[in-house]
Structures are given as C-alpha cells and as structure tokens.
Amino acid sequence: MRRSVVVYVAGLLAIGLTAGLLWHLLASPPNYTIGDDKGAIITERGLTQIIAMDIWYVVIGIVFGLMLGGFSWGMLRRIGWPIVLIAAAGALLAAWLAWQFGHLLGPRDFATRVGQANPGDRVPMDLDLHSAALIFIWPLAASIAILLAALWGALRPHRQID
C-alpha cells in the first residue's frame, strides 16, 4: 500500500512538472514595446496572445487531467468511490504545480524588466494564468476519465468463473 502511494504521488509530480514545461514551450507571452515616454504598448495581436496563454493551459489541463484520471483509476480503483476525491485533489495539486513551474520557467518579473527597459525595447509579459479558476479544469477532466472507466467496467460483460 505504501509503495502505491509513493508511486501515485511521484506520478502526480511528474505529470504536473511535464505539463508546466509543455505550457512554457507552447504558450508564447506577448511583447510590450517601450515607447519614447517609457510607456509600455501592446498590439491587438499581443492581446490575443494573453488569452492564448490561458487557452494553452486549459488544453494541456484537459489532456493531462484525463491522463491523470486514467492513472488514478489504474492505481486506485480497488478503493471504491473515494478514488474520485483523491483523483480530484491530486489533479488540483498537479494543476497548481504545472502553473507554478511554467511561471517559474518564465519569463517573469515583468515590472522590473519594464522599468529597466529603454525606448524601443520589446519586453515579454510574464507567463501566468489570468484566472486562477482555470486550475479546476484538471479535476473535472480527471473525474470524467474515472466516470468513463467505471462506466466501461460496468457495461462490460463479466466472465463467469467455473
């Protein structure tokens, strides 16, 4: 039992870190251009990139949440209904870890970089979520995977042992 818990937690950490790295690689923060008056200017395309950072996090969260639900089902299905609570909590932990790891990989410290920039410089925005509620996509996806796995198991014909 102890080994299963260690493997499960290690899996959560690996999923969270991998998702954070993937988010860092796929989401490209927009650049602000520093004007002559030291004001930061962003284009309309840059505004769409702000939303795209969140969308990439959601897409990654759906995929990794489904994988985490399948992983939870494979590891913990014998414990019954508490698997949903454990998987949701684990998915929330992995989502938070992905968010923080992606942010840590950068860029970050936007205000400091803008303050040090010269007119004409392009300063990328921080890689960050713009709505913390987006982390709840992960437990939702994990729960859906568990629901589908449980439904599949219930609908499969059971073999009779003679």
C-alpha atoms as a PDB file:
ATOM      1  CA  MET A   1       0.000   0.000   0.000  1.00  0.00           C
ATOM      2  CA  ARG A   2       2.804   2.400   0.907  1.00  0.00           C
ATOM      3  CA  ARG A   3       4.515   1.722  -2.412  1.00  0.00           C
ATOM      4  CA  SER A   4       1.299   2.527  -4.295  1.00  0.00           C
ATOM      5  CA  VAL A   5       1.021   5.864  -2.504  1.00  0.00           C
ATOM      6  CA  VAL A   6       4.632   6.739  -3.337  1.00  0.00           C
ATOM      7  CA  VAL A   7       4.150   5.768  -6.996  1.00  0.00           C
ATOM      8  CA  TYR A   8       0.896   7.747  -7.158  1.00  0.00           C
ATOM      9  CA  VAL A   9       2.426  10.905  -5.663  1.00  0.00           C
ATOM     10  CA  ALA A  10       5.503  10.576  -7.907  1.00  0.00           C
ATOM     11  CA  GLY A  11       3.154  10.244 -10.894  1.00  0.00           C
ATOM     12  CA  LEU A  12       1.285  13.403  -9.854  1.00  0.00           C
ATOM     13  CA  LEU A  13       4.526  15.328  -9.552  1.00  0.00           C
ATOM     14  CA  ALA A  14       5.798  14.057 -12.911  1.00  0.00           C
ATOM     15  CA  ILE A  15       2.518  14.955 -14.623  1.00  0.00           C
ATOM     16  CA  GLY A  16       2.479  18.444 -13.077  1.00  0.00           C
ATOM     17  CA  LEU A  17       6.088  19.221 -13.975  1.00  0.00           C
ATOM     18  CA  THR A  18       5.738  17.850 -17.504  1.00  0.00           C
ATOM     19  CA  ALA A  19       2.575  19.883 -18.071  1.00  0.00           C
ATOM     20  CA  GLY A  20       4.272  23.031 -16.761  1.00  0.00           C
ATOM     21  CA  LEU A  21       7.193  22.512 -19.127  1.00  0.00           C
ATOM     22  CA  LEU A  22       4.824  21.893 -22.027  1.00  0.00           C
ATOM     23  CA  TRP A  23       2.849  25.048 -21.182  1.00  0.00           C
ATOM     24  CA  HIS A  24       6.102  27.021 -21.128  1.00  0.00           C
ATOM     25  CA  LEU A  25       7.063  25.639 -24.546  1.00  0.00           C
ATOM     26  CA  LEU A  26       3.666  26.124 -26.235  1.00  0.00           C
ATOM     27  CA  ALA A  27       2.418  29.419 -24.803  1.00  0.00           C
ATOM     28  CA  SER A  28       4.254  32.467 -26.080  1.00  0.00           C
ATOM     29  CA  PRO A  29       3.749  35.551 -23.925  1.00  0.00           C
ATOM     30  CA  PRO A  30       3.197  38.754 -25.899  1.00  0.00           C
ATOM     31  CA  ASN A  31       5.741  41.541 -26.060  1.00  0.00           C
ATOM     32  CA  TYR A  32       5.200  45.086 -24.903  1.00  0.00           C
ATOM     33  CA  THR A  33       7.100  47.758 -26.806  1.00  0.00           C
ATOM     34  CA  ILE A  34       8.552  50.547 -24.712  1.00  0.00           C
ATOM     35  CA  GLY A  35       7.655  53.965 -26.107  1.00  0.00           C
ATOM     36  CA  ASP A  36       9.663  57.180 -26.012  1.00  0.00           C
ATOM     37  CA  ASP A  37       7.740  58.247 -22.902  1.00  0.00           C
ATOM     38  CA  LYS A  38       8.743  54.920 -21.220  1.00  0.00           C
ATOM     39  CA  GLY A  39       5.131  53.699 -21.541  1.00  0.00           C
ATOM     40  CA  ALA A  40       4.530  50.048 -22.453  1.00  0.00           C
ATOM     41  CA  ILE A  41       2.438  49.490 -25.586  1.00  0.00           C
ATOM     42  CA  ILE A  42       0.868  46.196 -26.694  1.00  0.00           C
ATOM     43  CA  THR A  43      -0.669  45.383 -30.064  1.00  0.00           C
ATOM     44  CA  GLU A  44      -4.052  43.767 -30.660  1.00  0.00           C
ATOM     45  CA  ARG A  45      -2.263  40.576 -31.615  1.00  0.00           C
ATOM     46  CA  GLY A  46      -0.474  40.743 -28.287  1.00  0.00           C
ATOM     47  CA  LEU A  47      -3.820  40.956 -26.506  1.00  0.00           C
ATOM     48  CA  THR A  48      -4.915  37.743 -28.208  1.00  0.00           C
ATOM     49  CA  GLN A  49      -1.679  36.079 -27.092  1.00  0.00           C
ATOM     50  CA  ILE A  50      -2.631  36.863 -23.484  1.00  0.00           C
ATOM     51  CA  ILE A  51      -5.807  34.823 -23.946  1.00  0.00           C
ATOM     52  CA  ALA A  52      -3.891  32.143 -25.844  1.00  0.00           C
ATOM     53  CA  MET A  53      -1.643  31.559 -22.799  1.00  0.00           C
ATOM     54  CA  ASP A  54      -4.737  30.657 -20.770  1.00  0.00           C
ATOM     55  CA  ILE A  55      -6.171  28.543 -23.584  1.00  0.00           C
ATOM     56  CA  TRP A  56      -2.955  26.510 -23.830  1.00  0.00           C
ATOM     57  CA  TYR A  57      -3.114  25.898 -20.086  1.00  0.00           C
ATOM     58  CA  VAL A  58      -6.730  24.694 -20.399  1.00  0.00           C
ATOM     59  CA  VAL A  59      -5.966  22.388 -23.344  1.00  0.00           C
ATOM     60  CA  ILE A  60      -2.979  20.927 -21.516  1.00  0.00           C
ATOM     61  CA  GLY A  61      -5.147  20.620 -18.395  1.00  0.00           C
ATOM     62  CA  ILE A  62      -7.820  18.656 -20.233  1.00  0.00           C
ATOM     63  CA  VAL A  63      -5.309  16.239 -21.757  1.00  0.00           C
ATOM     64  CA  PHE A  64      -3.251  15.769 -18.612  1.00  0.00           C
ATOM     65  CA  GLY A  65      -6.367  15.693 -16.409  1.00  0.00           C
ATOM     66  CA  LEU A  66      -7.777  12.835 -18.485  1.00  0.00           C
ATOM     67  CA  MET A  67      -4.437  11.047 -18.262  1.00  0.00           C
ATOM     68  CA  LEU A  68      -4.355  11.633 -14.516  1.00  0.00           C
ATOM     69  CA  GLY A  69      -7.871  10.219 -14.170  1.00  0.00           C
ATOM     70  CA  GLY A  70      -6.812   7.112 -16.073  1.00  0.00           C
ATOM     71  CA  PHE A  71      -3.676   6.848 -13.958  1.00  0.00           C
ATOM     72  CA  SER A  72      -5.786   7.197 -10.794  1.00  0.00           C
ATOM     73  CA  TRP A  73      -8.210   4.541 -11.998  1.00  0.00           C
ATOM     74  CA  GLY A  74      -5.366   2.165 -12.764  1.00  0.00           C
ATOM     75  CA  MET A  75      -3.708   2.704  -9.387  1.00  0.00           C
ATOM     76  CA  LEU A  76      -6.647   3.152  -7.019  1.00  0.00           C
ATOM     77  CA  ARG A  77      -9.817   1.603  -8.469  1.00  0.00           C
ATOM     78  CA  ARG A  78      -9.988  -1.016  -5.710  1.00  0.00           C
ATOM     79  CA  ILE A  79     -10.725   1.613  -3.051  1.00  0.00           C
ATOM     80  CA  GLY A  80     -14.144   2.460  -4.483  1.00  0.00           C
ATOM     81  CA  TRP A  81     -15.812   5.853  -4.603  1.00  0.00           C
ATOM     82  CA  PRO A  82     -13.104   7.764  -2.654  1.00  0.00           C
ATOM     83  CA  ILE A  83     -10.993   7.491  -5.814  1.00  0.00           C
ATOM     84  CA  VAL A  84     -12.899  10.483  -7.193  1.00  0.00           C
ATOM     85  CA  LEU A  85     -11.954  12.669  -4.222  1.00  0.00           C
ATOM     86  CA  ILE A  86      -8.334  11.518  -4.249  1.00  0.00           C
ATOM     87  CA  ALA A  87      -8.016  11.984  -8.008  1.00  0.00           C
ATOM     88  CA  ALA A  88      -9.622  15.445  -7.849  1.00  0.00           C
ATOM     89  CA  ALA A  89      -7.259  16.523  -5.071  1.00  0.00           C
ATOM     90  CA  GLY A  90      -4.304  15.052  -6.949  1.00  0.00           C
ATOM     91  CA  ALA A  91      -5.352  16.764 -10.164  1.00  0.00           C
ATOM     92  CA  LEU A  92      -5.639  20.058  -8.319  1.00  0.00           C
ATOM     93  CA  LEU A  93      -2.135  19.584  -6.948  1.00  0.00           C
ATOM     94  CA  ALA A  94      -0.777  18.722 -10.414  1.00  0.00           C
ATOM     95  CA  ALA A  95      -2.578  21.745 -11.924  1.00  0.00           C
ATOM     96  CA  TRP A  96      -1.097  24.085  -9.326  1.00  0.00           C
ATOM     97  CA  LEU A  97       2.342  22.567  -9.854  1.00  0.00           C
ATOM     98  CA  ALA A  98       2.076  22.993 -13.643  1.00  0.00           C
ATOM     99  CA  TRP A  99       1.030  26.621 -13.203  1.00  0.00           C
ATOM    100  CA  GLN A 100       3.861  27.422 -10.799  1.00  0.00           C
ATOM    101  CA  PHE A 101       6.518  25.504 -12.750  1.00  0.00           C
ATOM    102  CA  GLY A 102       5.515  27.128 -16.046  1.00  0.00           C
ATOM    103  CA  HIS A 103       5.611  30.538 -14.356  1.00  0.00           C
ATOM    104  CA  LEU A 104       8.997  29.745 -12.799  1.00  0.00           C
ATOM    105  CA  LEU A 105      10.425  28.840 -16.225  1.00  0.00           C
ATOM    106  CA  GLY A 106       9.492  32.360 -17.244  1.00  0.00           C
ATOM    107  CA  PRO A 107       9.578  34.920 -18.340  1.00  0.00           C
ATOM    108  CA  ARG A 108       8.785  36.608 -15.021  1.00  0.00           C
ATOM    109  CA  ASP A 109       9.373  39.858 -13.090  1.00  0.00           C
ATOM    110  CA  PHE A 110       7.648  41.907 -15.785  1.00  0.00           C
ATOM    111  CA  ALA A 111       7.503  45.143 -13.776  1.00  0.00           C
ATOM    112  CA  THR A 112      11.246  45.082 -13.109  1.00  0.00           C
ATOM    113  CA  ARG A 113      12.071  44.333 -16.743  1.00  0.00           C
ATOM    114  CA  VAL A 114       9.804  47.141 -17.982  1.00  0.00           C
ATOM    115  CA  GLY A 115      11.361  49.564 -15.501  1.00  0.00           C
ATOM    116  CA  GLN A 116      14.848  48.727 -16.784  1.00  0.00           C
ATOM    117  CA  ALA A 117      13.932  48.793 -20.482  1.00  0.00           C
ATOM    118  CA  ASN A 118      14.861  51.568 -22.894  1.00  0.00           C
ATOM    119  CA  PRO A 119      12.612  53.143 -25.537  1.00  0.00           C
ATOM    120  CA  GLY A 120      12.164  50.751 -28.466  1.00  0.00           C
ATOM    121  CA  ASP A 121      12.848  47.626 -26.381  1.00  0.00           C
ATOM    122  CA  ARG A 122      10.408  44.727 -26.562  1.00  0.00           C
ATOM    123  CA  VAL A 123       9.649  43.208 -23.175  1.00  0.00           C
ATOM    124  CA  PRO A 124       7.770  39.875 -22.986  1.00  0.00           C
ATOM    125  CA  MET A 125       4.947  39.564 -20.495  1.00  0.00           C
ATOM    126  CA  ASP A 126       5.146  37.042 -17.644  1.00  0.00           C
ATOM    127  CA  LEU A 127       3.916  33.516 -18.333  1.00  0.00           C
ATOM    128  CA  ASP A 128       0.995  33.356 -15.935  1.00  0.00           C
ATOM    129  CA  LEU A 129      -2.673  32.460 -15.688  1.00  0.00           C
ATOM    130  CA  HIS A 130      -5.138  35.315 -15.803  1.00  0.00           C
ATOM    131  CA  SER A 131      -7.828  33.381 -13.974  1.00  0.00           C
ATOM    132  CA  ALA A 132      -6.851  31.055 -11.136  1.00  0.00           C
ATOM    133  CA  ALA A 133     -10.168  29.229 -11.608  1.00  0.00           C
ATOM    134  CA  LEU A 134      -8.718  27.556 -14.709  1.00  0.00           C
ATOM    135  CA  ILE A 135      -6.924  25.035 -12.478  1.00  0.00           C
ATOM    136  CA  PHE A 136     -10.319  23.429 -11.809  1.00  0.00           C
ATOM    137  CA  ILE A 137     -10.328  22.090 -15.384  1.00  0.00           C
ATOM    138  CA  TRP A 138      -7.848  19.429 -14.242  1.00  0.00           C
ATOM    139  CA  PRO A 139     -10.010  17.741 -11.558  1.00  0.00           C
ATOM    140  CA  LEU A 140     -13.019  17.951 -13.868  1.00  0.00           C
ATOM    141  CA  ALA A 141     -11.136  16.113 -16.624  1.00  0.00           C
ATOM    142  CA  ALA A 142      -9.778  13.551 -14.127  1.00  0.00           C
ATOM    143  CA  SER A 143     -13.300  12.916 -12.825  1.00  0.00           C
ATOM    144  CA  ILE A 144     -14.622  12.461 -16.357  1.00  0.00           C
ATOM    145  CA  ALA A 145     -11.924   9.853 -17.060  1.00  0.00           C
ATOM    146  CA  ILE A 146     -12.827   7.965 -13.881  1.00  0.00           C
ATOM    147  CA  LEU A 147     -16.526   8.140 -14.722  1.00  0.00           C
ATOM    148  CA  LEU A 148     -15.910   6.740 -18.194  1.00  0.00           C
ATOM    149  CA  ALA A 149     -13.644   3.983 -16.860  1.00  0.00           C
ATOM    150  CA  ALA A 150     -16.215   2.986 -14.238  1.00  0.00           C
ATOM    151  CA  LEU A 151     -18.994   3.038 -16.829  1.00  0.00           C
ATOM    152  CA  TRP A 152     -16.926   0.917 -19.218  1.00  0.00           C
ATOM    153  CA  GLY A 153     -16.280  -1.593 -16.449  1.00  0.00           C
ATOM    154  CA  ALA A 154     -19.957  -1.731 -15.518  1.00  0.00           C
ATOM    155  CA  LEU A 155     -21.109  -2.258 -19.108  1.00  0.00           C
ATOM    156  CA  ARG A 156     -18.592  -4.959 -19.977  1.00  0.00           C
ATOM    157  CA  PRO A 157     -19.944  -8.471 -19.676  1.00  0.00           C
ATOM    158  CA  HIS A 158     -18.359 -10.246 -16.730  1.00  0.00           C
ATOM    159  CA  ARG A 159     -16.891 -13.697 -17.213  1.00  0.00           C
ATOM    160  CA  GLN A 160     -18.222 -16.443 -15.022  1.00  0.00           C
ATOM    161  CA  ILE A 161     -15.592 -18.483 -13.231  1.00  0.00           C
ATOM    162  CA  ASP A 162     -16.471 -22.173 -13.221  1.00  0.00           C
END
